[in-house]
Protein backbone atom coordinates (compact mmCIF):
# COMPACT_ATOMS: atom_id res chain seq x y z
CA MET A 1 67.13 118.12 96.31
CA SER A 2 65.44 121.13 97.87
CA ALA A 3 67.41 123.37 100.19
CA GLU A 4 64.91 122.34 102.84
CA ASP A 5 65.71 118.63 102.50
CA LEU A 6 67.98 116.99 105.06
CA ILE A 7 69.82 113.66 105.15
CA ILE A 8 68.70 111.68 108.17
CA ILE A 9 70.21 108.58 109.79
CA ARG A 10 67.11 106.46 110.31
CA GLY A 11 68.85 103.43 111.72
CA ARG A 12 72.24 102.08 112.65
CA GLY A 13 73.76 98.71 113.35
CA SER A 14 77.16 97.43 114.39
CA VAL A 15 79.22 94.44 115.41
CA SER A 16 82.62 94.74 117.08
CA ALA A 17 84.64 93.65 120.09
CA LEU A 18 81.85 95.25 122.15
CA GLY A 19 79.32 92.83 120.65
CA LEU A 20 76.20 93.68 118.64
CA GLY A 21 75.16 97.33 118.84
CA SER A 22 76.53 100.12 121.03
CA GLU A 23 75.33 98.99 124.45
CA GLY A 24 78.87 97.94 125.39
CA TYR A 25 79.88 101.58 125.74
CA ALA A 26 77.67 101.92 128.83
CA ALA A 27 80.09 99.98 131.05
CA PRO A 28 83.44 99.81 129.27
CA SER A 29 85.68 96.88 130.13
CA PRO A 30 88.71 95.28 128.44
CA THR A 31 87.60 93.59 125.24
CA PHE A 32 90.92 92.31 123.93
CA THR A 33 92.18 88.76 123.49
CA THR A 34 95.49 87.30 122.36
CA ARG A 35 96.51 85.73 119.04
CA ASN A 36 99.75 83.80 118.71
CA LEU A 37 101.77 84.71 115.64
CA GLY A 38 104.80 82.47 115.57
CA THR A 39 106.66 83.19 118.80
CA ARG A 40 104.81 86.46 119.33
CA ALA A 41 101.60 86.95 121.32
CA LEU A 42 99.63 89.90 119.92
CA PRO A 43 96.55 91.53 121.46
CA VAL A 44 93.56 91.77 119.11
CA ALA A 45 90.01 93.14 119.35
CA ALA A 46 87.99 90.12 118.20
CA LEU A 47 84.25 89.52 118.47
CA PRO A 48 82.95 88.22 121.82
CA ALA A 49 81.18 84.86 122.06
CA ALA A 50 77.61 86.15 121.55
CA ALA A 51 78.52 88.09 118.42
CA GLU A 52 80.51 85.13 117.15
CA ALA A 53 77.43 82.97 117.57
CA ALA A 54 75.42 85.48 115.53
CA VAL A 55 77.97 85.24 112.71
CA ALA A 56 77.81 81.43 112.80
CA ALA A 57 74.01 81.46 112.75
CA LEU A 58 73.93 83.90 109.83
CA ARG A 59 76.31 81.70 107.85
CA GLN A 60 73.81 78.83 108.09
CA GLN A 61 70.73 80.83 107.08
CA HIS A 62 71.31 80.57 103.34
CA PRO A 63 73.33 78.03 101.32
CA SER A 64 75.25 80.82 99.57
CA TYR A 65 76.16 82.48 102.86
CA ARG A 66 78.23 79.47 103.92
CA GLN A 67 80.98 80.40 101.49
CA LEU A 68 81.02 84.17 102.12
CA ASP A 69 84.00 85.92 103.61
CA ARG A 70 83.75 87.00 107.23
CA THR A 71 83.92 90.67 106.20
CA VAL A 72 80.70 90.23 104.20
CA LEU A 73 78.94 88.48 107.08
CA LEU A 74 79.83 91.29 109.48
CA ALA A 75 78.42 93.80 107.00
CA LEU A 76 75.21 91.77 106.71
CA LEU A 77 74.75 91.67 110.50
CA ALA A 78 75.21 95.44 110.83
CA ALA A 79 72.98 96.21 107.83
CA ARG A 80 70.17 94.06 109.20
CA GLN A 81 70.25 95.97 112.49
CA ALA A 82 70.20 99.31 110.68
CA THR A 83 67.30 98.28 108.44
CA LYS A 84 65.29 97.00 111.40
CA GLN A 85 65.84 100.19 113.38
CA ALA A 86 64.81 102.26 110.36
CA THR A 87 61.61 100.16 110.14
CA TRP A 88 62.14 99.64 106.42
CA ASN A 89 60.23 96.58 105.28
CA GLU A 90 59.04 94.57 102.31
CA SER A 91 56.20 97.03 101.61
CA ASP A 92 58.80 99.52 100.38
CA LYS A 93 59.49 97.69 97.09
CA GLN A 94 58.89 100.82 95.03
CA THR A 95 61.53 102.74 96.98
CA SER A 96 64.99 102.84 95.43
CA LEU A 97 67.48 101.42 97.94
CA ALA A 98 71.20 101.70 97.19
CA VAL A 99 74.13 100.23 99.11
CA SER A 100 77.58 101.67 99.68
CA ILE A 101 80.08 99.76 101.84
CA GLY A 102 83.73 100.57 102.53
CA SER A 103 86.42 98.01 103.29
CA SER A 104 90.18 98.42 103.25
CA ARG A 105 91.05 94.76 102.67
CA GLY A 106 87.74 93.23 101.56
CA ALA A 107 87.52 89.43 101.58
CA THR A 108 90.79 88.97 103.48
CA GLY A 109 90.16 85.53 104.93
CA ARG A 110 88.79 83.90 101.80
CA LEU A 111 91.49 85.40 99.60
CA GLU A 112 94.23 84.03 101.84
CA GLN A 113 92.51 80.65 102.02
CA PHE A 114 92.13 80.36 98.24
CA HIS A 115 95.75 81.41 97.73
CA GLU A 116 96.99 78.83 100.22
CA GLU A 117 94.96 76.15 98.44
CA PHE A 118 96.41 77.25 95.11
CA LEU A 119 99.98 76.99 96.40
CA THR A 120 99.23 73.50 97.72
CA ALA A 121 97.10 72.01 94.92
CA GLY A 122 97.72 74.32 91.98
CA THR A 123 93.99 74.93 91.46
CA VAL A 124 91.26 77.17 92.81
CA PRO A 125 87.46 76.70 92.92
CA VAL A 126 85.25 78.43 90.36
CA ALA A 127 83.83 80.73 93.05
CA ALA A 128 87.23 82.11 94.11
CA SER A 129 87.11 85.23 91.96
CA PRO A 130 83.54 86.41 92.66
CA LEU A 131 83.93 85.70 96.38
CA THR A 132 87.06 87.82 96.69
CA THR A 133 86.28 90.90 94.61
CA LEU A 134 85.66 94.04 96.67
CA GLY A 135 82.25 94.54 95.06
CA ASN A 136 81.23 91.25 96.66
CA VAL A 137 80.80 93.07 100.00
CA ALA A 138 78.17 95.61 98.89
CA SER A 139 76.40 93.26 96.49
CA TRP A 140 75.63 90.72 99.21
CA VAL A 141 74.38 93.46 101.55
CA ALA A 142 72.09 94.62 98.75
CA TYR A 143 70.91 91.06 98.11
CA ASP A 144 70.21 90.42 101.79
CA ALA A 145 68.33 93.73 102.12
CA GLY A 146 66.14 92.97 99.11
CA ALA A 147 67.36 96.11 97.35
CA HIS A 148 65.52 97.09 94.17
CA GLY A 149 66.45 99.73 91.64
CA GLY A 150 69.58 101.00 93.37
CA ALA A 151 73.33 100.64 93.02
CA ALA A 152 75.57 98.37 95.09
CA LEU A 153 78.95 100.07 95.52
CA SER A 154 82.07 99.00 97.41
CA HIS A 155 84.82 101.47 98.31
CA SER A 156 88.43 100.98 99.32
CA SER A 157 90.57 103.88 100.44
CA THR A 158 92.44 102.30 103.35
CA CYS A 159 91.18 103.33 106.79
CA SER A 160 88.84 106.09 105.62
CA SER A 161 86.96 103.68 103.34
CA ALA A 162 83.71 103.80 105.32
CA PHE A 163 83.52 107.59 104.99
CA GLN A 164 84.18 107.27 101.28
CA ALA A 165 81.05 105.10 101.20
CA LEU A 166 79.12 107.51 103.40
CA GLY A 167 80.11 110.53 101.32
CA ASN A 168 78.99 108.70 98.20
CA ALA A 169 75.61 107.97 99.78
CA LEU A 170 75.21 111.58 100.91
CA ALA A 171 75.91 112.91 97.41
CA TRP A 172 73.60 110.43 95.68
CA LEU A 173 70.72 111.17 98.05
CA ARG A 174 71.14 114.90 97.57
CA ALA A 175 71.21 114.43 93.81
CA GLY A 176 68.03 112.36 93.83
CA MET A 177 69.86 109.30 92.47
CA ALA A 178 68.49 107.10 95.29
CA ASP A 179 65.69 107.33 97.84
CA ARG A 180 67.43 105.37 100.59
CA PHE A 181 70.93 104.15 101.31
CA LEU A 182 72.60 101.53 103.44
CA ALA A 183 76.12 102.88 103.92
CA GLY A 184 79.01 101.98 106.21
CA GLY A 185 82.11 99.85 106.52
CA ALA A 186 83.17 96.29 107.34
CA GLU A 187 86.48 94.59 108.01
CA ALA A 188 87.57 91.14 109.23
CA PRO A 189 91.39 91.36 109.11
CA LEU A 190 92.38 89.10 112.02
CA THR A 191 94.30 86.66 109.87
CA ASP A 192 97.91 85.62 110.45
CA PHE A 193 99.09 87.32 107.27
CA THR A 194 97.39 90.66 108.03
CA LEU A 195 98.59 90.60 111.64
CA ALA A 196 102.11 89.94 110.39
CA GLN A 197 101.82 92.96 108.06
CA MET A 198 100.74 95.26 110.87
CA HIS A 199 103.48 93.94 113.15
CA ALA A 200 106.09 94.44 110.43
CA ILE A 201 105.32 98.17 110.24
CA GLY A 202 106.63 98.46 113.81
CA ILE A 203 103.55 100.10 115.35
CA TYR A 204 101.98 97.16 117.20
CA SER A 205 101.26 97.50 120.91
CA PRO A 206 103.66 95.83 123.39
CA PHE A 207 100.98 95.66 126.08
CA ALA A 208 99.07 92.52 127.07
CA GLU A 209 95.35 91.99 126.41
CA ALA A 210 94.25 92.84 129.97
CA ASP A 211 96.40 95.96 130.19
CA TRP A 212 94.42 98.23 127.84
CA PRO A 213 96.82 97.57 124.94
CA CYS A 214 95.39 100.22 122.58
CA ARG A 215 96.00 103.66 124.10
CA PRO A 216 95.13 106.57 121.80
CA GLY A 217 96.62 109.83 122.98
CA ALA A 218 98.99 108.21 125.47
CA GLY A 219 102.20 108.96 123.58
CA ALA A 220 105.07 106.50 123.21
CA PRO A 221 105.28 103.59 122.73
CA SER A 222 103.02 102.96 119.77
CA THR A 223 99.92 101.03 120.83
CA PHE A 224 98.21 100.05 117.58
CA VAL A 225 95.96 96.97 118.00
CA LEU A 226 94.11 95.33 115.12
CA GLY A 227 90.37 94.76 115.48
CA GLU A 228 87.42 93.52 113.44
CA GLY A 229 83.89 94.81 113.02
CA ALA A 230 81.30 96.63 110.94
CA ALA A 231 78.85 99.50 111.20
CA VAL A 232 76.11 100.37 108.72
CA PHE A 233 73.64 103.27 108.62
CA ALA A 234 70.19 103.59 107.05
CA LEU A 235 70.01 106.99 105.35
CA GLU A 236 67.15 108.85 103.68
CA LYS A 237 65.99 112.35 102.82
CA ALA A 238 63.43 114.26 104.86
CA SER A 239 62.05 117.76 104.45
CA SER A 240 62.55 120.25 107.27
CA GLN A 241 58.79 120.55 107.63
CA ALA A 242 58.25 116.79 107.91
CA LEU A 243 61.09 116.56 110.42
CA GLN A 244 59.56 119.25 112.62
CA GLN A 245 56.24 117.42 112.62
CA GLU A 246 58.01 114.18 113.52
CA LYS A 247 59.81 115.85 116.43
CA LEU A 248 56.54 117.25 117.75
CA ALA A 249 54.92 113.81 117.55
CA GLN A 250 57.88 112.03 119.22
CA PRO A 251 59.81 114.65 121.21
CA ASP A 252 61.87 112.08 123.14
CA LYS A 253 63.11 110.19 120.08
CA PRO A 254 66.56 111.34 118.91
CA ILE A 255 66.81 112.10 115.20
CA PHE A 256 70.28 112.26 113.69
CA ARG A 257 71.24 114.44 110.75
CA LEU A 258 74.25 113.65 108.57
CA GLU A 259 75.29 117.18 107.63
CA SER A 260 78.43 116.63 105.58
CA VAL A 261 81.41 114.45 104.70
CA GLY A 262 84.66 116.17 103.78
CA PHE A 263 87.78 114.66 102.22
CA GLY A 264 91.45 115.58 102.32
CA PHE A 265 94.63 114.36 100.67
CA GLU A 266 98.30 115.19 101.02
CA ALA A 267 100.94 114.00 98.59
CA ILE A 268 103.81 112.72 100.73
CA GLY A 269 106.74 110.49 99.93
CA SER A 270 105.90 107.82 102.49
CA LYS A 271 102.70 105.91 101.85
CA THR A 272 102.52 104.93 105.54
CA GLY A 273 103.43 108.36 106.93
CA LEU A 274 101.85 111.78 107.20
CA SER A 275 102.88 115.39 107.71
CA ARG A 276 103.44 116.63 111.24
CA ASP A 277 100.63 119.16 110.98
CA GLY A 278 98.16 116.69 109.44
CA GLN A 279 97.42 118.59 106.23
CA HIS A 280 94.98 115.94 105.02
CA PHE A 281 93.05 116.16 108.31
CA GLN A 282 92.92 119.94 108.01
CA ILE A 283 91.55 119.82 104.47
CA ALA A 284 88.93 117.21 105.39
CA MET A 285 87.73 119.08 108.48
CA ARG A 286 87.54 122.42 106.67
CA GLN A 287 85.59 120.83 103.83
CA ALA A 288 83.12 119.17 106.22
CA LEU A 289 82.54 122.44 108.07
CA THR A 290 82.20 124.45 104.86
CA GLN A 291 79.72 122.02 103.30
CA ALA A 292 77.52 122.28 106.39
CA ASN A 293 77.96 126.07 106.67
CA CYS A 294 79.09 125.35 110.22
CA THR A 295 81.50 127.33 112.39
CA THR A 296 84.08 125.72 114.65
CA ALA A 297 82.24 127.17 117.65
CA ALA A 298 79.20 125.04 116.79
CA VAL A 299 81.14 121.77 117.15
CA ASP A 300 80.64 120.37 120.65
CA ALA A 301 83.16 117.52 120.51
CA ILE A 302 85.36 115.50 118.16
CA VAL A 303 85.64 111.73 117.76
CA LEU A 304 89.24 111.20 116.74
CA HIS A 305 90.79 108.74 114.33
CA SER A 306 93.69 108.42 116.81
CA PRO A 307 95.10 104.91 116.22
CA GLY A 308 97.48 104.99 119.19
CA THR A 309 100.59 105.72 117.11
CA PRO A 310 102.54 108.72 118.48
CA ALA A 311 103.08 110.31 115.05
CA GLY A 312 99.50 109.77 113.90
CA ASP A 313 97.98 110.98 117.14
CA ALA A 314 100.20 114.09 117.23
CA ALA A 315 99.45 115.02 113.61
CA GLU A 316 95.70 114.84 114.18
CA ARG A 317 95.94 117.03 117.29
CA ALA A 318 98.07 119.54 115.40
CA ALA A 319 95.49 119.64 112.61
CA ILE A 320 92.69 120.21 115.10
CA ARG A 321 94.59 123.11 116.70
CA ALA A 322 95.12 124.62 113.25
CA ILE A 323 91.37 124.52 112.57
CA PHE A 324 89.95 125.36 116.00
CA GLY A 325 92.68 127.65 117.38
CA GLU A 326 92.48 128.19 121.11
CA ASN A 327 88.91 126.85 121.33
CA VAL A 328 89.58 123.16 120.77
CA PRO A 329 86.53 121.14 121.87
CA SER A 330 86.81 117.98 123.95
CA PHE A 331 87.82 114.93 121.95
CA THR A 332 87.60 111.19 122.41
CA SER A 333 88.20 107.90 120.61
CA ASN A 334 86.74 104.39 120.78
CA LYS A 335 89.86 102.54 119.69
CA TRP A 336 90.87 101.82 123.29
CA LEU A 337 87.84 99.47 123.27
CA LEU A 338 87.62 98.32 119.62
CA GLY A 339 91.19 98.48 118.38
CA HIS A 340 91.76 99.70 114.84
CA THR A 341 89.28 98.04 112.48
CA LEU A 342 90.87 99.49 109.34
CA GLY A 343 88.16 100.14 106.71
CA ALA A 344 85.37 99.80 109.28
CA SER A 345 86.92 102.20 111.79
CA ALA A 346 85.30 105.40 110.47
CA ALA A 347 81.84 103.80 110.53
CA LEU A 348 82.35 102.50 114.07
CA SER A 349 83.55 105.97 115.12
CA LEU A 350 80.37 107.48 113.67
CA GLU A 351 78.28 104.93 115.52
CA TYR A 352 80.15 105.89 118.71
CA ALA A 353 79.34 109.54 118.00
CA LEU A 354 75.62 108.71 117.73
CA HIS A 355 75.88 106.85 121.04
CA LEU A 356 77.38 109.98 122.65
CA LEU A 357 74.62 112.17 121.23
CA THR A 358 71.96 109.76 122.46
CA THR A 359 73.26 109.19 125.99
CA GLN A 360 75.09 112.48 126.59
CA ALA A 361 77.60 110.29 128.44
CA TRP A 362 81.37 110.60 128.15
CA PRO A 363 83.27 107.40 129.04
CA SER A 364 86.37 107.90 131.16
CA VAL A 365 89.59 106.32 129.93
CA PRO A 366 91.51 104.10 132.40
CA PHE A 367 95.04 105.17 131.41
CA ALA A 368 97.01 108.40 131.11
CA THR A 369 95.98 110.13 127.89
CA ASP A 370 94.99 113.47 126.41
CA LEU A 371 91.45 112.22 125.65
CA GLY A 372 88.76 114.28 127.36
CA PRO A 373 87.88 116.15 129.48
CA THR A 374 84.12 115.70 129.75
CA PRO A 375 82.42 118.44 127.71
CA THR A 376 80.88 121.25 129.73
CA ARG A 377 77.90 121.76 127.42
CA PRO A 378 75.26 119.45 125.91
CA LEU A 379 76.34 117.47 122.87
CA ARG A 380 74.43 118.55 119.77
CA ARG A 381 76.95 118.35 116.93
CA LEU A 382 80.03 116.13 116.61
CA LEU A 383 82.89 116.00 114.11
CA ILE A 384 84.35 112.56 113.34
CA ASN A 385 87.77 112.03 111.74
CA ALA A 386 89.30 109.16 109.79
CA ALA A 387 92.54 108.71 107.90
CA GLY A 388 94.55 106.02 106.17
CA PHE A 389 97.74 105.06 104.39
CA GLY A 390 98.46 106.98 101.22
CA GLY A 391 97.75 110.47 102.55
CA ASN A 392 93.94 110.39 102.58
CA ALA A 393 91.62 111.63 105.33
CA ALA A 394 87.89 112.19 105.79
CA SER A 395 85.69 114.00 108.30
CA ALA A 396 81.95 113.73 108.90
CA LEU A 397 79.66 116.11 110.72
CA VAL A 398 76.61 114.70 112.50
CA SER A 399 74.07 116.42 114.71
CA LEU A 400 70.80 116.02 116.59
CA ALA A 401 68.11 117.32 114.25
């Protein structure tokens, strides 16, 4: 790759509690519903009716799709949107298209269903294994996109999985190992067993669905809420010269540049905990800034991981102060609308960042929190954080080209 080549986000697609795409950010409203788990009523961020209908319709479009896990179907919906926005089509058969999708749990629903059937009947169908492997997610996205000549890769690194996928795509494109990439994350974890796991950790929100149950940056009590969704991005290389010509031809069309993806890890005794100063966040942010040859002063705002747990929120803020010093930019999070979508959360945070860059709007949060204030300068470059169990973290830097 030439030093003049850039990695551009040509298209994006998403499905979440806000519906299909990012339009739901324009007029934020409570998106949560309630799931009964034994005697407990837990708030969740599930898909709304219109998005649910899109999933049902997709399932009926192909005989093989009827047996796919919900996580795969969400990835397909998001990837189709991204491909359409990128205007990639069937005439591009000679272009190498690779796929990289992150998911923390993978085929959660189908795995639990097959296991329940095994406990009851003592047998499983032939398709159980291929339908529940993690690679199943990326391979079906590649199949649906008509990919030719590229790899289909699935990643799992807990809640930073989508940025693992994105970092892989960025490296492969820079190395010339693919011409185009569909990269992102998908997760459909709203099953009884997964909800029970999250509740058992002791971090689940005590607030009701209509009372903004997920409250990043609000302090105690913990307000983690599980959500489902997917976001996928269409990536390709472009020369600086070609990009300048494109901007002259379409000056009002935003063009997004993926500048870097950095990773961090801290070896700690607890696989669900983290250090108070967020060492893994610090490493990831420094790496992202260094890769892009970017100073902290050039970052206009940060989209936080911020899951609504007091310890997690505090550690991320401490890490940001360690990196940015006294000049901490404004920061925000979308989890108060989407909940925590595990392996899809980083991708949905990136999609939120692109929405902020496009609209230059800064949604106000309807509860007491440290999110905000509204930035005082135009948004040109955003840093997005993600982290997960096991001590891993990732940060991505995206800008208007």
